[in-house]
Amino acid sequence: MGDEIELELAWLIKYLPDDLKKCRSIKIVQAYIDHKDPKIKDIRIREKGGVFTYTVKRFAKNSQETGYCREETKQISQGEFLQLMENSNQKISKMRYFYLLPQGLTAEVDVYKDNLKGLDVVEVEFPSVKVCEKFEIPAWFGKEVTDSKGIYPPFIANLSIDEVHKINRCYEQKPHDFS
């Protein structure tokens, strides 16, 4: 926990790997807090495995590189989480699977629930830009959607899965500039 740079890219999933259910998994419930600061990407509360956190994500470079953020996380009590959750209108639930990849990387496979059932997204967090640039995308990864609003939980929380699929079908990922 603390303040760190996060470089994370996201893809839709063509098909779930056959051995996914053998991977470690955890249920995640999260919600987003409204804010008006243009330097902040989002403020998120999350319950993951009985641990409650409050995270502020700030753009590391600019608001166009949504996968490149400075993240500050602190643990909060269950009571604080529940109070903040009650006041949020942007809530999501998902199962996250931790799928091991070459180069010591882990794919975080998010299988969304409730109104977002049918949205499966894989994210990979990279330790450096160099590792990111050399990453070989597995065959089961689909279209890159790192900067798509169609996978951004505060935006999609109250949409139907058809609306989310329409956004992602039309979305074209721009080249990244992490310099």
N, C-alpha and C. Protein backbone atom coordinates (compact mmCIF):
# COMPACT_ATOMS: atom_id res chain seq x y z
N MET A 1 0.85 -1.16 0.00
CA MET A 1 0.00 0.00 0.00
C MET A 1 0.89 1.23 0.00
N GLY A 2 0.40 2.31 -0.50
CA GLY A 2 1.20 3.52 -0.59
C GLY A 2 1.04 4.15 -1.95
N ASP A 3 2.07 4.87 -2.36
CA ASP A 3 2.05 5.62 -3.62
C ASP A 3 2.99 4.94 -4.60
N GLU A 4 2.48 4.54 -5.76
CA GLU A 4 3.33 3.89 -6.75
C GLU A 4 2.80 4.16 -8.16
N ILE A 5 3.72 4.03 -9.14
CA ILE A 5 3.33 4.17 -10.55
C ILE A 5 2.80 2.82 -11.02
N GLU A 6 1.73 2.86 -11.78
CA GLU A 6 1.13 1.65 -12.33
C GLU A 6 1.11 1.78 -13.85
N LEU A 7 1.67 0.78 -14.54
CA LEU A 7 1.60 0.69 -16.00
C LEU A 7 0.85 -0.59 -16.31
N GLU A 8 -0.40 -0.44 -16.72
CA GLU A 8 -1.28 -1.57 -16.91
C GLU A 8 -2.04 -1.41 -18.22
N LEU A 9 -2.01 -2.46 -19.04
CA LEU A 9 -2.75 -2.46 -20.29
C LEU A 9 -3.87 -3.49 -20.20
N ALA A 10 -4.93 -3.30 -20.99
CA ALA A 10 -6.11 -4.16 -20.92
C ALA A 10 -6.56 -4.59 -22.31
N TRP A 11 -7.08 -5.81 -22.36
CA TRP A 11 -7.61 -6.38 -23.59
C TRP A 11 -8.95 -7.05 -23.30
N LEU A 12 -9.82 -7.08 -24.30
CA LEU A 12 -10.98 -7.95 -24.22
C LEU A 12 -10.44 -9.37 -24.39
N ILE A 13 -11.26 -10.36 -24.09
CA ILE A 13 -10.80 -11.74 -24.16
C ILE A 13 -11.53 -12.46 -25.30
N LYS A 14 -10.74 -13.09 -26.20
CA LYS A 14 -11.34 -13.88 -27.29
C LYS A 14 -12.03 -15.12 -26.72
N TYR A 15 -11.31 -15.80 -25.83
CA TYR A 15 -11.84 -16.99 -25.16
C TYR A 15 -11.09 -17.16 -23.85
N LEU A 16 -11.79 -17.68 -22.85
CA LEU A 16 -11.15 -17.92 -21.56
C LEU A 16 -10.29 -19.17 -21.65
N PRO A 17 -9.09 -19.13 -21.09
CA PRO A 17 -8.22 -20.31 -21.12
C PRO A 17 -8.88 -21.49 -20.41
N ASP A 18 -8.66 -22.70 -20.93
CA ASP A 18 -9.26 -23.91 -20.35
C ASP A 18 -8.89 -24.10 -18.89
N ASP A 19 -7.68 -23.71 -18.51
CA ASP A 19 -7.19 -23.95 -17.15
C ASP A 19 -7.42 -22.76 -16.20
N LEU A 20 -8.25 -21.80 -16.61
CA LEU A 20 -8.47 -20.61 -15.80
C LEU A 20 -9.03 -20.94 -14.41
N LYS A 21 -9.96 -21.88 -14.35
CA LYS A 21 -10.61 -22.21 -13.06
C LYS A 21 -9.63 -22.82 -12.06
N LYS A 22 -8.46 -23.24 -12.52
CA LYS A 22 -7.43 -23.79 -11.62
C LYS A 22 -6.60 -22.69 -10.97
N CYS A 23 -6.74 -21.47 -11.48
CA CYS A 23 -5.95 -20.34 -10.99
C CYS A 23 -6.53 -19.79 -9.69
N ARG A 24 -5.67 -19.15 -8.94
CA ARG A 24 -6.13 -18.45 -7.74
C ARG A 24 -7.14 -17.39 -8.17
N SER A 25 -8.20 -17.22 -7.39
CA SER A 25 -9.23 -16.22 -7.74
C SER A 25 -9.74 -15.56 -6.48
N ILE A 26 -10.39 -14.42 -6.69
CA ILE A 26 -10.96 -13.67 -5.57
C ILE A 26 -12.14 -12.84 -6.08
N LYS A 27 -13.17 -12.73 -5.25
CA LYS A 27 -14.31 -11.87 -5.59
C LYS A 27 -13.95 -10.44 -5.20
N ILE A 28 -14.29 -9.51 -6.07
CA ILE A 28 -14.01 -8.09 -5.83
C ILE A 28 -15.32 -7.32 -5.95
N VAL A 29 -15.57 -6.48 -4.97
CA VAL A 29 -16.69 -5.53 -5.01
C VAL A 29 -16.05 -4.16 -4.87
N GLN A 30 -16.39 -3.27 -5.77
CA GLN A 30 -15.81 -1.93 -5.70
C GLN A 30 -16.82 -0.88 -6.12
N ALA A 31 -16.53 0.34 -5.69
CA ALA A 31 -17.40 1.48 -6.02
C ALA A 31 -16.50 2.69 -6.21
N TYR A 32 -17.06 3.70 -6.82
CA TYR A 32 -16.30 4.90 -7.15
C TYR A 32 -16.93 6.12 -6.51
N ILE A 33 -16.06 7.02 -6.07
CA ILE A 33 -16.47 8.24 -5.37
C ILE A 33 -16.36 9.40 -6.36
N ASP A 34 -17.40 10.20 -6.44
CA ASP A 34 -17.38 11.37 -7.33
C ASP A 34 -16.32 12.37 -6.89
N HIS A 35 -15.71 13.03 -7.88
CA HIS A 35 -14.72 14.09 -7.62
C HIS A 35 -14.70 15.02 -8.83
N LYS A 36 -14.07 16.17 -8.68
CA LYS A 36 -14.04 17.15 -9.77
C LYS A 36 -12.61 17.54 -10.15
N ASP A 37 -11.60 16.86 -9.63
CA ASP A 37 -10.20 17.18 -9.88
C ASP A 37 -9.76 16.55 -11.21
N PRO A 38 -9.40 17.36 -12.23
CA PRO A 38 -9.02 16.80 -13.53
C PRO A 38 -7.70 16.02 -13.52
N LYS A 39 -6.92 16.15 -12.46
CA LYS A 39 -5.66 15.40 -12.35
C LYS A 39 -5.89 13.99 -11.80
N ILE A 40 -7.08 13.77 -11.27
CA ILE A 40 -7.42 12.46 -10.69
C ILE A 40 -8.22 11.65 -11.70
N LYS A 41 -7.76 10.43 -11.96
CA LYS A 41 -8.51 9.52 -12.83
C LYS A 41 -9.75 9.03 -12.10
N ASP A 42 -9.55 8.48 -10.90
CA ASP A 42 -10.70 8.05 -10.11
C ASP A 42 -10.33 7.84 -8.66
N ILE A 43 -11.37 7.79 -7.85
CA ILE A 43 -11.25 7.45 -6.43
C ILE A 43 -12.12 6.21 -6.24
N ARG A 44 -11.46 5.14 -5.78
CA ARG A 44 -12.13 3.85 -5.71
C ARG A 44 -12.07 3.29 -4.29
N ILE A 45 -13.16 2.65 -3.88
CA ILE A 45 -13.14 1.84 -2.68
C ILE A 45 -13.32 0.40 -3.13
N ARG A 46 -12.70 -0.53 -2.39
CA ARG A 46 -12.73 -1.92 -2.84
C ARG A 46 -12.72 -2.87 -1.64
N GLU A 47 -13.51 -3.93 -1.78
CA GLU A 47 -13.43 -5.05 -0.84
C GLU A 47 -12.92 -6.23 -1.63
N LYS A 48 -11.79 -6.76 -1.17
CA LYS A 48 -11.15 -7.89 -1.85
C LYS A 48 -10.61 -8.82 -0.78
N GLY A 49 -11.26 -9.98 -0.63
CA GLY A 49 -10.80 -10.95 0.34
C GLY A 49 -10.87 -10.46 1.78
N GLY A 50 -11.88 -9.67 2.11
CA GLY A 50 -12.04 -9.17 3.47
C GLY A 50 -11.16 -7.99 3.81
N VAL A 51 -10.44 -7.48 2.82
CA VAL A 51 -9.60 -6.29 3.01
C VAL A 51 -10.29 -5.13 2.29
N PHE A 52 -10.39 -4.01 2.98
CA PHE A 52 -11.09 -2.83 2.46
C PHE A 52 -10.07 -1.74 2.19
N THR A 53 -10.10 -1.18 0.97
CA THR A 53 -9.12 -0.15 0.60
C THR A 53 -9.79 1.05 -0.03
N TYR A 54 -9.07 2.16 0.04
CA TYR A 54 -9.45 3.44 -0.56
C TYR A 54 -8.27 3.83 -1.44
N THR A 55 -8.51 4.01 -2.73
CA THR A 55 -7.45 4.29 -3.70
C THR A 55 -7.75 5.54 -4.48
N VAL A 56 -6.73 6.39 -4.62
CA VAL A 56 -6.80 7.56 -5.49
C VAL A 56 -5.82 7.30 -6.63
N LYS A 57 -6.32 7.34 -7.87
CA LYS A 57 -5.47 7.18 -9.05
C LYS A 57 -5.34 8.54 -9.73
N ARG A 58 -4.08 8.98 -9.89
CA ARG A 58 -3.79 10.23 -10.61
C ARG A 58 -3.07 9.88 -11.90
N PHE A 59 -3.35 10.65 -12.94
CA PHE A 59 -2.66 10.42 -14.21
C PHE A 59 -1.17 10.69 -14.03
N ALA A 60 -0.33 9.73 -14.45
CA ALA A 60 1.12 9.89 -14.32
C ALA A 60 1.66 10.83 -15.38
N LYS A 61 1.02 10.84 -16.56
CA LYS A 61 1.47 11.69 -17.66
C LYS A 61 0.36 12.65 -18.08
N ASN A 62 -0.68 12.09 -18.67
CA ASN A 62 -1.83 12.90 -19.09
C ASN A 62 -3.08 12.03 -19.10
N SER A 63 -4.21 12.65 -19.24
CA SER A 63 -5.47 11.92 -19.13
C SER A 63 -5.76 11.01 -20.32
N GLN A 64 -4.95 11.08 -21.38
CA GLN A 64 -5.12 10.18 -22.52
C GLN A 64 -4.49 8.82 -22.25
N GLU A 65 -3.49 8.76 -21.37
CA GLU A 65 -2.84 7.49 -21.01
C GLU A 65 -3.46 6.97 -19.72
N THR A 66 -4.64 6.38 -19.85
CA THR A 66 -5.39 5.96 -18.67
C THR A 66 -4.77 4.75 -17.97
N GLY A 67 -3.89 4.02 -18.65
CA GLY A 67 -3.24 2.87 -18.06
C GLY A 67 -1.94 3.20 -17.36
N TYR A 68 -1.58 4.48 -17.30
CA TYR A 68 -0.30 4.91 -16.73
C TYR A 68 -0.62 5.91 -15.63
N CYS A 69 -0.71 5.42 -14.40
CA CYS A 69 -1.19 6.25 -13.29
C CYS A 69 -0.30 6.14 -12.06
N ARG A 70 -0.39 7.15 -11.23
CA ARG A 70 0.19 7.12 -9.89
C ARG A 70 -0.96 6.75 -8.97
N GLU A 71 -0.73 5.69 -8.19
CA GLU A 71 -1.80 5.13 -7.38
C GLU A 71 -1.43 5.23 -5.90
N GLU A 72 -2.34 5.77 -5.12
CA GLU A 72 -2.14 5.86 -3.67
C GLU A 72 -3.27 5.10 -2.99
N THR A 73 -2.91 4.05 -2.24
CA THR A 73 -3.90 3.19 -1.61
C THR A 73 -3.68 3.14 -0.11
N LYS A 74 -4.80 3.17 0.61
CA LYS A 74 -4.71 2.98 2.06
C LYS A 74 -5.82 2.03 2.49
N GLN A 75 -5.56 1.29 3.55
CA GLN A 75 -6.56 0.39 4.08
C GLN A 75 -7.56 1.19 4.91
N ILE A 76 -8.84 0.81 4.80
CA ILE A 76 -9.90 1.44 5.59
C ILE A 76 -10.67 0.35 6.34
N SER A 77 -11.49 0.76 7.28
CA SER A 77 -12.28 -0.21 8.03
C SER A 77 -13.50 -0.65 7.21
N GLN A 78 -14.10 -1.75 7.61
CA GLN A 78 -15.32 -2.22 6.96
C GLN A 78 -16.43 -1.18 7.09
N GLY A 79 -16.50 -0.53 8.25
CA GLY A 79 -17.52 0.51 8.47
C GLY A 79 -17.34 1.68 7.53
N GLU A 80 -16.10 2.13 7.35
CA GLU A 80 -15.83 3.24 6.40
C GLU A 80 -16.21 2.82 4.99
N PHE A 81 -15.84 1.57 4.63
CA PHE A 81 -16.17 1.05 3.30
C PHE A 81 -17.68 1.05 3.08
N LEU A 82 -18.43 0.52 4.04
CA LEU A 82 -19.88 0.43 3.90
C LEU A 82 -20.54 1.79 3.81
N GLN A 83 -20.02 2.77 4.56
CA GLN A 83 -20.58 4.12 4.50
C GLN A 83 -20.32 4.75 3.14
N LEU A 84 -19.10 4.60 2.62
CA LEU A 84 -18.77 5.13 1.30
C LEU A 84 -19.55 4.40 0.21
N MET A 85 -19.70 3.09 0.36
CA MET A 85 -20.42 2.28 -0.62
C MET A 85 -21.87 2.73 -0.72
N GLU A 86 -22.47 3.04 0.41
CA GLU A 86 -23.86 3.48 0.45
C GLU A 86 -24.08 4.76 -0.36
N ASN A 87 -23.07 5.62 -0.39
CA ASN A 87 -23.18 6.91 -1.08
C ASN A 87 -22.74 6.87 -2.54
N SER A 88 -22.30 5.72 -3.02
CA SER A 88 -21.83 5.62 -4.40
C SER A 88 -22.93 5.09 -5.31
N ASN A 89 -22.98 5.64 -6.51
CA ASN A 89 -23.93 5.16 -7.53
C ASN A 89 -23.23 4.33 -8.59
N GLN A 90 -21.93 4.12 -8.43
CA GLN A 90 -21.14 3.41 -9.45
C GLN A 90 -20.48 2.19 -8.79
N LYS A 91 -21.18 1.06 -8.82
CA LYS A 91 -20.71 -0.15 -8.14
C LYS A 91 -20.58 -1.29 -9.15
N ILE A 92 -19.55 -2.11 -8.92
CA ILE A 92 -19.38 -3.29 -9.77
C ILE A 92 -18.97 -4.48 -8.91
N SER A 93 -19.19 -5.67 -9.46
CA SER A 93 -18.78 -6.92 -8.83
C SER A 93 -18.16 -7.79 -9.92
N LYS A 94 -17.08 -8.47 -9.56
CA LYS A 94 -16.41 -9.33 -10.53
C LYS A 94 -15.59 -10.39 -9.82
N MET A 95 -15.27 -11.45 -10.56
CA MET A 95 -14.33 -12.46 -10.10
C MET A 95 -13.02 -12.16 -10.82
N ARG A 96 -11.93 -12.16 -10.06
CA ARG A 96 -10.62 -11.94 -10.66
C ARG A 96 -9.80 -13.22 -10.52
N TYR A 97 -9.27 -13.66 -11.65
CA TYR A 97 -8.40 -14.83 -11.70
C TYR A 97 -6.98 -14.35 -11.99
N PHE A 98 -6.01 -14.97 -11.35
CA PHE A 98 -4.60 -14.61 -11.51
C PHE A 98 -3.93 -15.70 -12.35
N TYR A 99 -3.71 -15.39 -13.62
CA TYR A 99 -3.20 -16.35 -14.60
C TYR A 99 -1.74 -16.03 -14.89
N LEU A 100 -0.86 -16.99 -14.63
CA LEU A 100 0.58 -16.76 -14.81
C LEU A 100 0.96 -16.74 -16.29
N LEU A 101 1.80 -15.76 -16.65
CA LEU A 101 2.28 -15.57 -18.01
C LEU A 101 3.81 -15.68 -18.02
N PRO A 102 4.42 -15.82 -19.20
CA PRO A 102 5.88 -15.79 -19.28
C PRO A 102 6.43 -14.45 -18.78
N GLN A 103 7.72 -14.37 -18.58
CA GLN A 103 8.43 -13.17 -18.11
C GLN A 103 8.07 -12.82 -16.67
N GLY A 104 7.48 -13.77 -15.93
CA GLY A 104 7.11 -13.50 -14.55
C GLY A 104 5.91 -12.57 -14.41
N LEU A 105 5.16 -12.39 -15.48
CA LEU A 105 3.99 -11.51 -15.45
C LEU A 105 2.73 -12.29 -15.06
N THR A 106 1.74 -11.57 -14.60
CA THR A 106 0.46 -12.17 -14.25
C THR A 106 -0.66 -11.46 -14.99
N ALA A 107 -1.51 -12.24 -15.63
CA ALA A 107 -2.72 -11.69 -16.26
C ALA A 107 -3.82 -11.70 -15.20
N GLU A 108 -4.42 -10.55 -14.97
CA GLU A 108 -5.57 -10.46 -14.08
C GLU A 108 -6.80 -10.54 -14.96
N VAL A 109 -7.49 -11.66 -14.89
CA VAL A 109 -8.66 -11.91 -15.72
C VAL A 109 -9.90 -11.56 -14.91
N ASP A 110 -10.61 -10.54 -15.35
CA ASP A 110 -11.82 -10.09 -14.65
C ASP A 110 -13.06 -10.57 -15.39
N VAL A 111 -13.85 -11.36 -14.69
CA VAL A 111 -15.12 -11.86 -15.22
C VAL A 111 -16.21 -11.12 -14.45
N TYR A 112 -16.85 -10.17 -15.13
CA TYR A 112 -17.82 -9.28 -14.48
C TYR A 112 -19.12 -10.01 -14.20
N LYS A 113 -19.84 -9.51 -13.20
CA LYS A 113 -21.10 -10.09 -12.73
C LYS A 113 -22.25 -9.10 -12.92
N ASP A 114 -23.43 -9.54 -12.54
CA ASP A 114 -24.63 -8.70 -12.51
C ASP A 114 -24.93 -8.13 -13.90
N ASN A 115 -25.20 -6.82 -14.00
CA ASN A 115 -25.57 -6.22 -15.28
C ASN A 115 -24.43 -6.26 -16.30
N LEU A 116 -23.20 -6.53 -15.86
CA LEU A 116 -22.05 -6.57 -16.76
C LEU A 116 -21.62 -8.00 -17.10
N LYS A 117 -22.45 -8.98 -16.75
CA LYS A 117 -22.14 -10.37 -17.07
C LYS A 117 -21.99 -10.50 -18.58
N GLY A 118 -20.89 -11.10 -19.00
CA GLY A 118 -20.58 -11.20 -20.43
C GLY A 118 -19.40 -10.33 -20.81
N LEU A 119 -18.95 -9.49 -19.88
CA LEU A 119 -17.74 -8.68 -20.10
C LEU A 119 -16.58 -9.38 -19.39
N ASP A 120 -15.62 -9.83 -20.19
CA ASP A 120 -14.42 -10.47 -19.68
C ASP A 120 -13.23 -9.66 -20.18
N VAL A 121 -12.40 -9.21 -19.23
CA VAL A 121 -11.27 -8.33 -19.54
C VAL A 121 -10.02 -8.90 -18.90
N VAL A 122 -8.91 -8.82 -19.61
CA VAL A 122 -7.63 -9.22 -19.04
C VAL A 122 -6.73 -8.00 -18.97
N GLU A 123 -6.10 -7.81 -17.81
CA GLU A 123 -5.16 -6.71 -17.61
C GLU A 123 -3.81 -7.28 -17.21
N VAL A 124 -2.76 -6.65 -17.71
CA VAL A 124 -1.41 -7.04 -17.34
C VAL A 124 -0.71 -5.79 -16.84
N GLU A 125 -0.15 -5.89 -15.63
CA GLU A 125 0.61 -4.78 -15.06
C GLU A 125 2.09 -5.07 -15.32
N PHE A 126 2.78 -4.07 -15.85
CA PHE A 126 4.17 -4.22 -16.24
C PHE A 126 5.09 -3.50 -15.27
N PRO A 127 6.24 -4.10 -14.95
CA PRO A 127 7.19 -3.46 -14.03
C PRO A 127 7.95 -2.30 -14.66
N SER A 128 7.95 -2.24 -16.01
CA SER A 128 8.65 -1.16 -16.70
C SER A 128 8.10 -1.01 -18.11
N VAL A 129 8.39 0.14 -18.71
CA VAL A 129 8.00 0.38 -20.10
C VAL A 129 8.71 -0.61 -21.01
N LYS A 130 9.96 -0.92 -20.73
CA LYS A 130 10.75 -1.84 -21.55
C LYS A 130 10.10 -3.23 -21.59
N VAL A 131 9.67 -3.74 -20.44
CA VAL A 131 9.00 -5.04 -20.39
C VAL A 131 7.68 -4.98 -21.15
N CYS A 132 6.98 -3.88 -21.02
CA CYS A 132 5.70 -3.69 -21.73
C CYS A 132 5.91 -3.74 -23.25
N GLU A 133 6.92 -3.05 -23.71
CA GLU A 133 7.19 -2.99 -25.15
C GLU A 133 7.60 -4.34 -25.74
N LYS A 134 8.16 -5.23 -24.93
CA LYS A 134 8.61 -6.54 -25.41
C LYS A 134 7.56 -7.63 -25.20
N PHE A 135 6.43 -7.28 -24.61
CA PHE A 135 5.40 -8.25 -24.28
C PHE A 135 4.80 -8.89 -25.53
N GLU A 136 4.75 -10.22 -25.53
CA GLU A 136 4.11 -10.97 -26.63
C GLU A 136 2.70 -11.34 -26.18
N ILE A 137 1.73 -10.84 -26.90
CA ILE A 137 0.32 -11.00 -26.52
C ILE A 137 -0.13 -12.44 -26.77
N PRO A 138 -0.64 -13.13 -25.73
CA PRO A 138 -1.14 -14.50 -25.91
C PRO A 138 -2.32 -14.57 -26.88
N ALA A 139 -2.51 -15.73 -27.49
CA ALA A 139 -3.56 -15.92 -28.50
C ALA A 139 -4.96 -15.68 -27.95
N TRP A 140 -5.18 -15.91 -26.65
CA TRP A 140 -6.53 -15.77 -26.09
C TRP A 140 -6.89 -14.33 -25.77
N PHE A 141 -5.91 -13.42 -25.85
CA PHE A 141 -6.19 -11.99 -25.68
C PHE A 141 -6.86 -11.50 -26.96
N GLY A 142 -7.83 -10.62 -26.81
CA GLY A 142 -8.49 -10.03 -27.96
C GLY A 142 -7.99 -8.62 -28.21
N LYS A 143 -8.89 -7.78 -28.60
CA LYS A 143 -8.62 -6.38 -28.93
C LYS A 143 -8.14 -5.60 -27.70
N GLU A 144 -7.09 -4.78 -27.88
CA GLU A 144 -6.66 -3.94 -26.77
C GLU A 144 -7.67 -2.82 -26.55
N VAL A 145 -8.01 -2.60 -25.28
CA VAL A 145 -9.02 -1.60 -24.91
C VAL A 145 -8.59 -0.79 -23.68
N THR A 146 -7.29 -0.63 -23.51
CA THR A 146 -6.76 0.02 -22.31
C THR A 146 -7.45 1.34 -22.01
N ASP A 147 -7.64 2.17 -23.01
CA ASP A 147 -8.19 3.52 -22.81
C ASP A 147 -9.69 3.61 -23.15
N SER A 148 -10.34 2.48 -23.37
CA SER A 148 -11.76 2.48 -23.72
C SER A 148 -12.63 2.76 -22.50
N LYS A 149 -13.61 3.63 -22.66
CA LYS A 149 -14.59 3.85 -21.59
C LYS A 149 -15.43 2.58 -21.39
N GLY A 150 -15.41 1.69 -22.38
CA GLY A 150 -16.20 0.46 -22.32
C GLY A 150 -15.67 -0.59 -21.36
N ILE A 151 -14.54 -0.33 -20.70
CA ILE A 151 -14.06 -1.22 -19.63
C ILE A 151 -13.81 -0.44 -18.35
N TYR A 152 -14.10 0.83 -18.35
CA TYR A 152 -13.80 1.71 -17.22
C TYR A 152 -14.94 1.63 -16.21
N PRO A 153 -14.74 0.93 -15.08
CA PRO A 153 -15.85 0.66 -14.16
C PRO A 153 -16.72 1.85 -13.77
N PRO A 154 -16.16 3.05 -13.46
CA PRO A 154 -17.09 4.13 -13.10
C PRO A 154 -18.04 4.51 -14.25
N PHE A 155 -17.60 4.31 -15.48
CA PHE A 155 -18.43 4.66 -16.63
C PHE A 155 -19.45 3.56 -16.94
N ILE A 156 -19.03 2.30 -16.83
CA ILE A 156 -19.91 1.20 -17.24
C ILE A 156 -20.78 0.63 -16.13
N ALA A 157 -20.55 1.04 -14.90
CA ALA A 157 -21.22 0.44 -13.75
C ALA A 157 -22.73 0.31 -13.91
N ASN A 158 -23.36 1.28 -14.52
CA ASN A 158 -24.82 1.27 -14.64
C ASN A 158 -25.32 1.04 -16.06
N LEU A 159 -24.43 0.60 -16.95
CA LEU A 159 -24.82 0.31 -18.33
C LEU A 159 -25.25 -1.15 -18.47
N SER A 160 -25.94 -1.44 -19.56
CA SER A 160 -26.26 -2.83 -19.88
C SER A 160 -25.05 -3.43 -20.59
N ILE A 161 -24.98 -4.75 -20.61
CA ILE A 161 -23.87 -5.41 -21.31
C ILE A 161 -23.92 -5.11 -22.80
N ASP A 162 -25.09 -4.93 -23.38
CA ASP A 162 -25.19 -4.58 -24.81
C ASP A 162 -24.58 -3.21 -25.07
N GLU A 163 -24.83 -2.25 -24.18
CA GLU A 163 -24.24 -0.91 -24.34
C GLU A 163 -22.71 -0.97 -24.23
N VAL A 164 -22.21 -1.79 -23.31
CA VAL A 164 -20.76 -1.94 -23.13
C VAL A 164 -20.14 -2.58 -24.37
N HIS A 165 -20.75 -3.63 -24.89
CA HIS A 165 -20.22 -4.29 -26.09
C HIS A 165 -20.21 -3.33 -27.28
N LYS A 166 -21.23 -2.51 -27.41
CA LYS A 166 -21.28 -1.55 -28.51
C LYS A 166 -20.12 -0.55 -28.42
N ILE A 167 -19.84 -0.05 -27.21
CA ILE A 167 -18.72 0.89 -27.02
C ILE A 167 -17.41 0.23 -27.43
N ASN A 168 -17.19 -1.01 -26.98
CA ASN A 168 -15.93 -1.68 -27.26
C ASN A 168 -15.78 -2.12 -28.71
N ARG A 169 -16.90 -2.44 -29.37
CA ARG A 169 -16.83 -2.79 -30.80
C ARG A 169 -16.33 -1.60 -31.61
N CYS A 170 -16.77 -0.40 -31.26
CA CYS A 170 -16.41 0.81 -32.01
C CYS A 170 -15.05 1.37 -31.61
N TYR A 171 -14.52 0.94 -30.50
CA TYR A 171 -13.30 1.54 -29.95
C TYR A 171 -12.05 1.10 -30.71
N GLU A 172 -11.16 2.04 -30.96
CA GLU A 172 -9.84 1.77 -31.56
C GLU A 172 -8.77 2.34 -30.63
N GLN A 173 -7.90 1.47 -30.11
CA GLN A 173 -6.83 1.89 -29.22
C GLN A 173 -5.76 2.68 -29.97
N LYS A 174 -5.41 3.84 -29.43
CA LYS A 174 -4.34 4.65 -30.02
C LYS A 174 -2.99 4.12 -29.52
N PRO A 175 -1.91 4.36 -30.27
CA PRO A 175 -0.58 3.96 -29.79
C PRO A 175 -0.27 4.66 -28.46
N HIS A 176 0.47 3.96 -27.62
CA HIS A 176 0.83 4.50 -26.30
C HIS A 176 2.07 5.38 -26.38
N ASP A 177 2.12 6.38 -25.50
CA ASP A 177 3.29 7.26 -25.37
C ASP A 177 3.60 7.37 -23.89
N PHE A 178 4.54 6.54 -23.42
CA PHE A 178 4.88 6.52 -22.01
C PHE A 178 6.11 7.36 -21.69
N SER A 179 6.64 8.07 -22.70
CA SER A 179 7.87 8.84 -22.46
C SER A 179 7.61 10.08 -21.62
